[in-house]
Protein backbone atom coordinates (compact mmCIF):
# COMPACT_ATOMS: atom_id res chain seq x y z
CA MET A 1 133.65 85.77 83.37
CA SER A 2 133.76 88.62 80.88
CA LYS A 3 131.72 86.61 78.39
CA PHE A 4 129.19 85.33 80.92
CA PHE A 5 128.36 88.80 82.28
CA GLU A 6 128.74 90.47 78.84
CA LEU A 7 131.12 93.05 80.28
CA GLU A 8 132.34 94.40 76.95
CA LYS A 9 128.81 94.71 75.60
CA ASN A 10 127.87 96.78 78.64
CA GLY A 11 131.01 98.90 78.51
CA THR A 12 132.48 97.84 81.84
CA THR A 13 135.35 95.83 83.34
CA VAL A 14 135.85 93.30 86.14
CA SER A 15 137.54 95.84 88.41
CA THR A 16 134.77 98.39 87.84
CA GLU A 17 132.07 95.84 88.64
CA ILE A 18 133.78 94.67 91.83
CA THR A 19 134.29 98.26 92.96
CA ALA A 20 130.62 98.96 92.26
CA GLY A 21 129.63 95.90 94.28
CA ILE A 22 131.69 97.02 97.27
CA THR A 23 130.13 100.50 97.01
CA THR A 24 126.59 99.09 96.96
CA PHE A 25 127.27 96.78 99.89
CA PHE A 26 128.54 99.51 102.19
CA ALA A 27 125.72 101.84 101.13
CA MET A 28 123.12 99.30 102.26
CA SER A 29 125.02 97.46 105.01
CA TYR A 30 123.15 99.37 107.72
CA ILE A 31 120.41 96.77 107.23
CA LEU A 32 122.65 94.21 108.96
CA PHE A 33 121.92 95.94 112.26
CA LEU A 34 118.53 97.48 111.50
CA ASN A 35 116.68 94.32 110.41
CA PRO A 36 117.26 92.23 113.57
CA GLN A 37 116.48 95.22 115.81
CA ILE A 38 113.06 95.74 114.22
CA LEU A 39 111.92 92.14 113.75
CA SER A 40 113.12 90.97 117.18
CA GLN A 41 110.39 93.17 118.69
CA THR A 42 107.88 90.56 117.50
CA GLY A 43 109.52 87.90 119.69
CA MET A 44 111.74 86.43 116.97
CA PRO A 45 115.36 85.72 118.07
CA ALA A 46 117.53 88.56 116.75
CA GLN A 47 120.41 86.22 115.88
CA ALA A 48 118.10 83.96 113.86
CA VAL A 49 116.68 86.96 112.02
CA PHE A 50 120.22 88.09 111.21
CA LEU A 51 121.18 84.78 109.60
CA ALA A 52 117.82 84.46 107.83
CA MET A 53 118.42 87.89 106.33
CA ILE A 54 121.91 86.88 105.17
CA ILE A 55 120.63 83.67 103.53
CA ALA A 56 117.70 85.35 101.77
CA SER A 57 119.73 88.38 100.67
CA VAL A 58 122.56 86.25 99.28
CA THR A 59 120.11 83.95 97.47
CA GLY A 60 118.15 86.78 95.88
CA THR A 61 121.20 88.86 94.98
CA LEU A 62 122.93 85.87 93.36
CA ILE A 63 119.82 85.15 91.26
CA MET A 64 119.73 88.83 90.35
CA GLY A 65 123.34 88.70 89.20
CA LEU A 66 123.54 85.26 87.59
CA PHE A 67 120.05 85.00 86.07
CA ALA A 68 119.01 88.60 85.35
CA ASN A 69 122.58 89.93 84.91
CA VAL A 70 121.77 93.34 86.39
CA PRO A 71 123.64 95.25 89.15
CA TYR A 72 121.02 95.24 91.90
CA ALA A 73 121.23 93.95 95.48
CA LEU A 74 118.42 92.63 97.65
CA ALA A 75 117.75 92.61 101.40
CA PRO A 76 114.74 92.94 103.71
CA GLY A 77 112.95 96.21 102.94
CA VAL A 78 112.88 98.66 105.85
CA GLY A 79 109.29 99.67 105.15
CA LEU A 80 108.21 96.06 104.87
CA GLN A 81 110.00 95.20 108.13
CA ALA A 82 108.10 98.01 109.84
CA PHE A 83 104.87 96.76 108.27
CA PHE A 84 105.58 93.22 109.48
CA THR A 85 106.40 94.28 113.05
CA TYR A 86 104.24 97.27 113.86
CA THR A 87 101.20 96.61 111.67
CA VAL A 88 100.88 92.85 111.11
CA VAL A 89 102.05 91.64 114.53
CA MET A 90 101.58 94.52 116.97
CA SER A 91 98.49 96.17 115.46
CA LEU A 92 96.58 93.42 113.66
CA GLY A 93 97.44 90.76 116.23
CA PHE A 94 99.05 88.08 114.07
CA THR A 95 101.82 85.97 115.62
CA TRP A 96 105.25 86.32 114.05
CA GLN A 97 104.89 82.76 112.74
CA GLU A 98 101.66 83.76 110.99
CA GLY A 99 103.44 86.85 109.72
CA LEU A 100 106.07 84.66 108.05
CA ALA A 101 103.27 82.58 106.50
CA LEU A 102 101.77 85.79 105.08
CA VAL A 103 105.18 86.72 103.63
CA PHE A 104 105.45 83.26 102.05
CA PHE A 105 102.09 83.71 100.31
CA CYS A 106 103.23 87.15 99.18
CA GLY A 107 106.33 85.60 97.58
CA VAL A 108 104.24 82.95 95.79
CA ILE A 109 101.76 85.56 94.53
CA ASN A 110 104.56 87.80 93.30
CA ILE A 111 106.09 84.90 91.38
CA VAL A 112 102.73 84.18 89.72
CA ILE A 113 102.24 87.88 88.95
CA THR A 114 105.72 88.06 87.42
CA ILE A 115 105.32 85.12 85.03
CA THR A 116 101.72 85.76 83.97
CA LYS A 117 99.62 88.57 82.51
CA LEU A 118 98.39 89.44 86.01
CA ARG A 119 101.42 91.71 86.25
CA LYS A 120 100.15 93.90 83.41
CA MET A 121 96.70 94.06 85.01
CA LEU A 122 98.15 95.13 88.35
CA ILE A 123 100.45 97.76 86.85
CA THR A 124 97.66 99.31 84.78
CA ALA A 125 95.03 99.03 87.54
CA ILE A 126 96.71 101.10 90.25
CA PRO A 127 97.10 104.79 89.32
CA ASN A 128 100.61 106.19 89.35
CA THR A 129 99.58 108.70 92.02
CA ILE A 130 98.61 105.91 94.42
CA GLN A 131 101.84 104.02 93.70
CA LEU A 132 103.90 107.13 94.49
CA ALA A 133 101.83 107.86 97.59
CA ILE A 134 102.32 104.33 98.97
CA SER A 135 106.10 104.61 98.57
CA GLY A 136 106.27 108.10 100.08
CA GLY A 137 103.81 107.17 102.83
CA ILE A 138 105.97 104.28 103.95
CA GLY A 139 108.79 106.82 104.16
CA VAL A 140 106.70 109.03 106.48
CA PHE A 141 105.80 105.96 108.54
CA ILE A 142 109.45 104.92 108.90
CA ALA A 143 110.66 108.44 109.78
CA TYR A 144 107.91 108.76 112.40
CA LEU A 145 108.87 105.35 113.73
CA GLY A 146 112.48 106.54 114.09
CA LEU A 147 111.42 109.64 116.04
CA LYS A 148 109.20 107.51 118.26
CA ASN A 149 111.87 104.85 118.89
CA ALA A 150 114.38 107.57 119.74
CA ASN A 151 111.97 108.64 122.52
CA ILE A 152 112.04 112.19 121.16
CA LEU A 153 108.24 112.17 121.26
CA GLN A 154 106.06 111.75 124.33
CA PHE A 155 102.28 111.49 124.51
CA SER A 156 99.85 112.91 127.07
CA SER A 157 96.21 111.94 127.53
CA ASP A 158 93.50 113.40 129.74
CA SER A 159 91.52 110.87 131.75
CA SER A 160 88.31 111.48 129.80
CA SER A 161 90.01 110.14 126.66
CA ILE A 162 91.12 106.82 128.18
CA VAL A 163 89.14 104.04 126.51
CA SER A 164 90.53 100.97 128.23
CA ILE A 165 93.28 99.73 130.56
CA ASN A 166 94.60 96.18 130.26
CA GLY A 167 91.91 95.47 127.67
CA GLN A 168 89.06 96.40 130.05
CA ALA A 169 86.78 99.43 129.79
CA TYR A 170 88.23 102.33 131.77
CA ASN A 171 86.64 103.00 135.16
CA SER A 172 87.96 106.02 137.08
CA ALA A 173 86.99 104.32 140.35
CA VAL A 174 89.52 101.54 139.75
CA THR A 175 92.92 102.73 140.92
CA HIS A 176 94.74 99.43 141.54
CA PHE A 177 95.61 96.67 139.09
CA THR A 178 96.70 93.23 140.29
CA HIS A 179 99.46 92.73 137.76
CA GLY A 180 100.13 96.40 137.05
CA VAL A 181 99.21 98.37 133.94
CA THR A 182 100.21 96.51 130.78
CA SER A 183 98.29 98.47 128.13
CA VAL A 184 96.35 101.71 127.83
CA VAL A 185 94.11 102.69 124.90
CA THR A 186 93.13 106.34 124.56
CA GLY A 187 90.96 108.30 122.19
CA GLY A 188 91.46 111.63 120.44
CA GLY A 189 92.49 113.39 123.62
CA ILE A 190 96.04 112.10 123.37
CA THR A 191 98.52 114.83 122.46
CA PRO A 192 102.07 114.33 121.12
CA SER A 193 104.87 116.63 122.24
CA MET A 194 108.64 116.76 122.34
CA THR A 195 110.32 115.11 125.31
CA LEU A 196 112.75 116.80 127.69
CA PHE A 197 116.35 116.18 126.69
CA ASN A 198 117.45 114.95 130.11
CA ASN A 199 117.91 111.30 129.15
CA PRO A 200 121.33 110.12 127.83
CA SER A 201 119.66 107.80 125.30
CA VAL A 202 117.58 110.65 123.84
CA VAL A 203 120.60 112.94 123.68
CA LEU A 204 122.61 110.21 121.94
CA ALA A 205 119.81 109.73 119.39
CA LEU A 206 119.86 113.48 118.63
CA ILE A 207 123.63 113.35 118.17
CA GLY A 208 123.20 110.38 115.84
CA ILE A 209 120.50 112.11 113.79
CA THR A 210 122.60 115.25 113.40
CA LEU A 211 125.75 113.31 112.52
CA THR A 212 124.03 111.06 109.98
CA ILE A 213 122.31 114.01 108.30
CA ILE A 214 125.66 115.82 107.96
CA LEU A 215 127.28 112.71 106.47
CA GLN A 216 124.37 112.26 104.07
CA ILE A 217 124.48 115.91 102.93
CA LYS A 218 128.23 115.64 102.41
CA LYS A 219 127.56 112.50 100.32
CA VAL A 220 129.95 110.42 102.40
CA PRO A 221 129.90 106.79 101.17
CA ALA A 222 128.10 104.41 103.55
CA SER A 223 126.92 107.41 105.59
CA ILE A 224 124.11 105.53 107.35
CA LEU A 225 126.39 102.68 108.41
CA ILE A 226 129.03 105.16 109.58
CA GLY A 227 126.32 107.00 111.51
CA ILE A 228 125.26 103.79 113.30
CA ILE A 229 128.84 102.87 114.20
CA ALA A 230 129.83 106.41 115.27
CA THR A 231 126.70 106.84 117.40
CA THR A 232 127.36 103.48 119.06
CA ILE A 233 130.94 104.56 119.91
CA ILE A 234 129.81 107.96 121.22
CA GLY A 235 127.32 106.12 123.43
CA ILE A 236 130.11 104.31 125.31
CA PRO A 237 131.19 107.20 127.60
CA MET A 238 127.52 108.26 127.88
CA GLY A 239 126.69 104.87 129.40
CA VAL A 240 124.17 104.00 126.68
CA THR A 241 126.24 101.48 124.72
CA ASN A 242 126.87 98.19 126.47
CA LEU A 243 130.13 96.63 125.23
CA HIS A 244 129.45 93.22 126.77
CA ILE A 245 129.48 90.59 124.02
CA SER A 246 127.96 87.33 125.20
CA ASP A 247 128.91 83.91 123.85
CA ALA A 248 125.21 83.55 123.10
CA ASN A 249 125.71 85.93 120.18
CA SER A 250 128.37 83.83 118.45
CA LEU A 251 127.85 82.60 114.91
CA ALA A 252 127.49 79.02 116.17
CA ASN A 253 124.71 79.98 118.55
CA SER A 254 123.09 82.09 115.86
CA ILE A 255 122.92 79.01 113.67
CA GLY A 256 121.30 77.20 116.58
CA ALA A 257 118.77 80.02 117.01
CA LEU A 258 117.83 79.65 113.36
CA LYS A 259 116.03 76.43 114.31
CA THR A 260 113.38 78.60 115.96
CA THR A 261 112.43 80.49 112.81
CA PHE A 262 113.27 77.97 110.07
CA LEU A 263 109.98 76.72 108.54
CA ALA A 264 108.06 78.36 111.41
CA ALA A 265 105.73 79.70 108.70
CA PHE A 266 104.45 76.12 108.23
CA SER A 267 104.13 75.31 111.94
CA SER A 268 100.90 75.04 113.93
CA LYS A 269 101.43 78.63 115.07
CA GLY A 270 101.97 79.77 111.48
CA MET A 271 100.10 78.33 108.53
CA GLY A 272 98.26 75.99 110.93
CA SER A 273 96.45 78.85 112.68
CA LEU A 274 96.41 81.51 109.96
CA PHE A 275 93.09 80.36 108.49
CA SER A 276 91.57 78.90 111.66
CA ASP A 277 89.49 82.00 112.48
CA SER A 278 86.82 82.61 109.82
CA HIS A 279 86.24 86.16 111.10
CA ARG A 280 89.66 87.30 109.96
CA LEU A 281 89.92 85.55 106.57
CA ILE A 282 89.31 88.83 104.76
CA LEU A 283 91.96 90.48 106.94
CA VAL A 284 94.43 87.72 106.00
CA PHE A 285 93.75 88.26 102.31
CA MET A 286 94.02 92.06 102.54
CA THR A 287 97.27 91.82 104.51
CA ILE A 288 98.82 89.56 101.87
CA LEU A 289 97.65 92.01 99.21
CA SER A 290 99.22 94.93 101.09
CA PHE A 291 102.50 93.02 101.39
CA SER A 292 102.48 92.26 97.66
CA LEU A 293 101.59 95.77 96.52
CA SER A 294 104.27 97.39 98.70
CA ASP A 295 106.90 94.85 97.61
CA ILE A 296 106.16 94.97 93.87
CA PHE A 297 106.02 98.74 93.50
CA ASP A 298 109.01 99.26 95.79
CA SER A 299 111.17 97.10 93.54
CA LEU A 300 109.61 98.21 90.25
CA GLY A 301 110.14 101.86 91.18
CA THR A 302 113.81 101.19 91.94
CA PHE A 303 114.36 99.29 88.68
CA ILE A 304 112.70 101.83 86.42
CA GLY A 305 113.97 104.88 88.32
CA THR A 306 117.64 103.86 88.09
CA GLY A 307 117.62 101.56 85.07
CA ARG A 308 115.98 104.00 82.69
CA ARG A 309 118.62 106.69 83.28
CA THR A 310 121.59 104.34 82.90
CA GLY A 311 120.33 102.10 80.10
CA ILE A 312 120.39 98.96 82.27
CA PHE A 313 116.73 98.51 81.37
CA SER A 314 115.66 99.62 77.93
CA ALA A 315 112.30 101.00 76.84
CA GLU A 316 111.75 97.63 75.19
CA ASP A 317 112.23 95.88 78.55
CA GLU A 318 109.53 98.08 80.08
CA LYS A 319 107.14 97.36 77.19
CA ASP A 320 107.79 93.62 77.46
CA LEU A 321 107.08 93.81 81.20
CA GLU A 322 103.56 95.07 80.53
CA ALA A 323 102.79 93.20 77.32
CA LYS A 324 104.40 89.76 77.56
CA PRO A 325 104.01 87.01 80.18
CA GLY A 326 106.97 84.92 81.26
CA LEU A 327 110.58 85.96 81.78
CA SER A 328 111.29 87.48 78.40
CA SER A 329 113.30 90.53 79.51
CA LYS A 330 115.93 91.50 82.08
CA LEU A 331 113.26 93.41 83.99
CA ASP A 332 111.09 90.28 84.19
CA ARG A 333 113.99 88.22 85.49
CA ALA A 334 114.94 90.90 88.02
CA LEU A 335 111.42 90.93 89.47
CA PHE A 336 111.51 87.11 89.53
CA ALA A 337 114.71 87.20 91.62
CA ASP A 338 113.02 89.62 94.00
CA SER A 339 110.00 87.30 94.41
CA ILE A 340 112.11 84.17 94.95
CA ALA A 341 114.14 85.94 97.65
CA THR A 342 110.96 86.88 99.54
CA GLY A 343 109.87 83.23 99.57
CA VAL A 344 113.28 82.10 100.79
CA GLY A 345 113.28 84.75 103.50
CA SER A 346 109.91 83.59 104.83
CA LEU A 347 111.21 80.00 105.08
CA PHE A 348 114.23 80.99 107.17
CA GLY A 349 112.67 83.78 109.24
CA THR A 350 112.68 87.31 107.85
CA SER A 351 110.27 89.76 106.25
CA ASN A 352 109.92 90.61 102.55
CA ILE A 353 113.12 90.91 100.54
CA THR A 354 113.18 93.81 98.12
CA THR A 355 115.55 95.52 95.71
CA TYR A 356 117.50 98.27 97.44
CA VAL A 357 117.55 101.78 96.03
CA GLU A 358 121.10 101.98 97.45
CA SER A 359 122.03 99.86 94.44
CA SER A 360 122.13 103.21 92.66
CA ALA A 361 125.37 103.95 94.55
CA GLY A 362 127.05 101.00 92.82
CA ILE A 363 125.47 101.91 89.50
CA GLY A 364 126.85 105.41 89.96
CA ALA A 365 130.28 103.83 90.49
CA GLY A 366 130.01 102.15 87.08
CA GLY A 367 128.21 98.87 87.85
CA ARG A 368 126.26 97.63 84.83
CA THR A 369 126.08 93.84 85.08
CA GLY A 370 125.34 90.97 87.43
CA LEU A 371 128.99 90.82 88.53
CA THR A 372 128.22 93.80 90.76
CA SER A 373 125.41 91.81 92.40
CA VAL A 374 127.58 88.72 92.85
CA THR A 375 130.18 90.88 94.62
CA VAL A 376 127.50 92.19 97.00
CA ALA A 377 126.31 88.63 97.68
CA VAL A 378 129.84 87.50 98.61
CA LEU A 379 130.24 90.43 101.01
CA PHE A 380 126.86 89.68 102.62
CA LEU A 381 127.99 86.09 103.13
CA LEU A 382 131.21 87.23 104.80
CA SER A 383 129.26 89.60 107.05
CA SER A 384 127.60 86.63 108.75
CA PHE A 385 130.60 86.60 111.12
CA ALA A 386 129.52 90.04 112.41
CA SER A 387 126.54 88.63 114.33
CA PRO A 388 128.16 89.10 117.79
CA LEU A 389 128.17 92.87 117.20
CA LEU A 390 124.38 93.02 117.09
CA SER A 391 124.02 93.01 120.86
CA ILE A 392 126.01 96.19 121.44
CA ILE A 393 124.14 98.47 118.98
CA PRO A 394 121.76 100.63 121.08
CA ASN A 395 118.30 101.70 119.86
CA ALA A 396 119.53 105.29 119.92
CA ALA A 397 121.97 104.40 117.11
CA ILE A 398 119.28 102.67 115.02
CA ALA A 399 116.64 105.42 115.22
CA PRO A 400 118.66 107.93 113.11
CA ALA A 401 118.97 105.32 110.33
CA LEU A 402 115.17 104.91 110.25
CA ILE A 403 114.66 108.67 110.03
CA ILE A 404 117.16 109.12 107.20
CA VAL A 405 115.79 106.17 105.19
CA GLY A 406 112.27 107.54 105.70
CA ILE A 407 113.29 110.97 104.45
CA MET A 408 114.85 109.47 101.31
CA MET A 409 111.73 107.40 100.56
CA MET A 410 109.56 110.52 100.75
CA SER A 411 111.19 111.80 97.54
CA SER A 412 108.40 110.13 95.53
CA PHE A 413 106.01 112.85 96.77
CA GLN A 414 107.59 115.29 94.33
CA ASP A 415 105.93 113.52 91.39
CA ILE A 416 102.41 113.82 92.83
CA ASN A 417 100.31 116.75 91.58
CA TRP A 418 99.28 118.17 94.95
CA ASN A 419 97.70 121.19 93.22
CA SER A 420 94.98 118.89 91.89
CA PHE A 421 92.58 118.16 94.75
CA GLU A 422 91.38 115.05 92.92
CA GLU A 423 94.88 113.61 93.10
CA ALA A 424 95.76 115.08 96.49
CA VAL A 425 92.89 113.42 98.40
CA PRO A 426 93.68 109.74 97.61
CA ALA A 427 97.42 110.51 97.78
CA PHE A 428 97.03 112.00 101.27
CA MET A 429 94.90 109.09 102.45
CA ALA A 430 97.38 106.53 101.11
CA SER A 431 100.43 108.28 102.55
CA ILE A 432 100.10 110.74 105.42
CA PHE A 433 97.10 108.88 106.85
CA MET A 434 99.27 105.76 106.78
CA ALA A 435 101.61 107.27 109.37
CA PHE A 436 98.84 108.93 111.41
CA CYS A 437 96.99 105.66 111.92
CA TYR A 438 100.30 103.77 112.32
CA ASN A 439 99.16 101.12 109.86
CA ILE A 440 100.39 100.66 106.28
CA THR A 441 97.46 98.43 105.28
CA TYR A 442 94.90 100.98 106.43
CA GLY A 443 96.73 103.70 104.53
CA ILE A 444 96.53 101.69 101.30
CA ALA A 445 92.86 100.94 102.02
CA ALA A 446 92.03 104.62 102.58
CA GLY A 447 93.85 105.57 99.37
CA PHE A 448 91.92 103.05 97.29
CA ILE A 449 88.52 103.86 98.83
CA PHE A 450 88.85 107.63 98.47
CA TYR A 451 90.19 107.24 94.93
CA CYS A 452 86.92 105.48 94.07
CA ILE A 453 84.89 108.17 95.86
CA VAL A 454 86.67 111.04 94.09
CA LYS A 455 86.33 109.45 90.66
CA THR A 456 82.64 108.70 91.25
CA VAL A 457 81.83 112.25 92.41
CA THR A 458 83.66 113.76 89.42
CA GLY A 459 81.80 111.52 86.98
CA LYS A 460 84.88 109.48 86.12
CA ALA A 461 83.91 106.19 87.75
CA LYS A 462 84.56 104.33 84.49
CA GLU A 463 88.25 105.26 84.79
CA VAL A 464 88.57 103.13 87.92
CA HIS A 465 89.86 99.65 87.12
CA PRO A 466 87.54 96.82 88.23
CA LEU A 467 90.36 95.44 90.38
CA ILE A 468 90.40 98.67 92.42
CA TRP A 469 86.64 98.47 92.95
CA ILE A 470 86.91 94.86 94.12
CA VAL A 471 89.80 95.52 96.50
CA SER A 472 88.11 98.64 97.90
CA ALA A 473 84.91 96.69 98.54
CA LEU A 474 86.91 94.01 100.35
CA PHE A 475 88.62 96.64 102.49
CA ILE A 476 85.23 98.12 103.45
CA LEU A 477 83.91 94.63 104.22
CA ASN A 478 86.99 93.96 106.35
CA PHE A 479 86.46 97.16 108.37
CA THR A 480 82.80 96.23 108.85
CA VAL A 481 83.67 92.74 110.12
CA LEU A 482 86.28 94.17 112.52
CA ALA A 483 83.72 96.67 113.84
CA ILE A 484 81.01 94.13 114.63
CA ALA A 485 83.24 91.19 115.64
């Protein structure tokens, strides 16, 4: 074992690596409850999503440990889960089966990018400011999502701003609806405000937010997981937490539920219908691109941000990443593990798998090799027996976790030069606009388009990579098609 993982070479021991693995697992274990809660809103069975997550996370983390020999753990990315649920399915109108097909294509593309020179082109094409803005913007999106799911926000609209009800143009003379009101679309007259704290679920969410923030500030290990569990317990006397555990949530039944999502990406409702509508082919392509960009730069930022400081990835590894195709360095192999895991996840029924920044907790505990990752994978496998607990975690206990994760992701904003209006405009469009329009793809699109506009106006159009011009043109074409369809 010592020889295989090169423990002596990396200045570590078996006990240190196992301890680091345990630390990483508990730091990121909140995803066990968060992932099924988010993706089940698309209609996917929560128990199936849970097992799909376990399978994909274990697969990717084992490859990370045994092939790349680096101390990183993988699981479905929170931002990418939110993108899958609230943008791809709820906003853009794809079915969850089609969403899994999109994730599969993303995994294939990321593998191709990793083993060819396309990776260098992509890394050099997208400005660092846009990369940072996308990461931070997803953080804003997730934090806003947490506030919204906690029901802390409420929205008011005057009648003149109502655009449609139940998909039909609004008519003030119509006061009765046969099957009730199922959807309302309003214009700019809608106003957000804070709700009244007279609902036990809202009060519990506030308690959870406060508690989790305190734990995070005090640097308590596994603070987010502790926050979820503590909030769930506090919700028992408040009548929010339901302690009834049904037999339907057993591991055996979860395995049965997996039949619903396994290979659903290749079903008639998935791959079979994804390309059936010619009007949305551009939208399909742009959605896959958005998945890939978010996934790649999420993982790459984690690798370089933590690996550079600790020596896990050398300067030579970073140069090889940009200059050489294939899997010539540890960084190449780590990105390959990430891409494979995303493909596996789409086959079983979960959104993009990405490298978790919480891996830094294990690295801080001394983890330097793949033995740390293998330890995390074993613990993820054992956690599959926790599936019955999913049903008792209330939304009020999940919302604080979303807010805290969102806040942590926003740290990338500090590296953007907001004093330069040329940088601030595309950064704002790719980040804050992302949350305002409740759509990650549209945020990326706005960032790219306004980056091209700013560079053109300032006489620096030649600095824009051809790939950015092409993608921006496709985004504009997509918006045009959606407007006239």
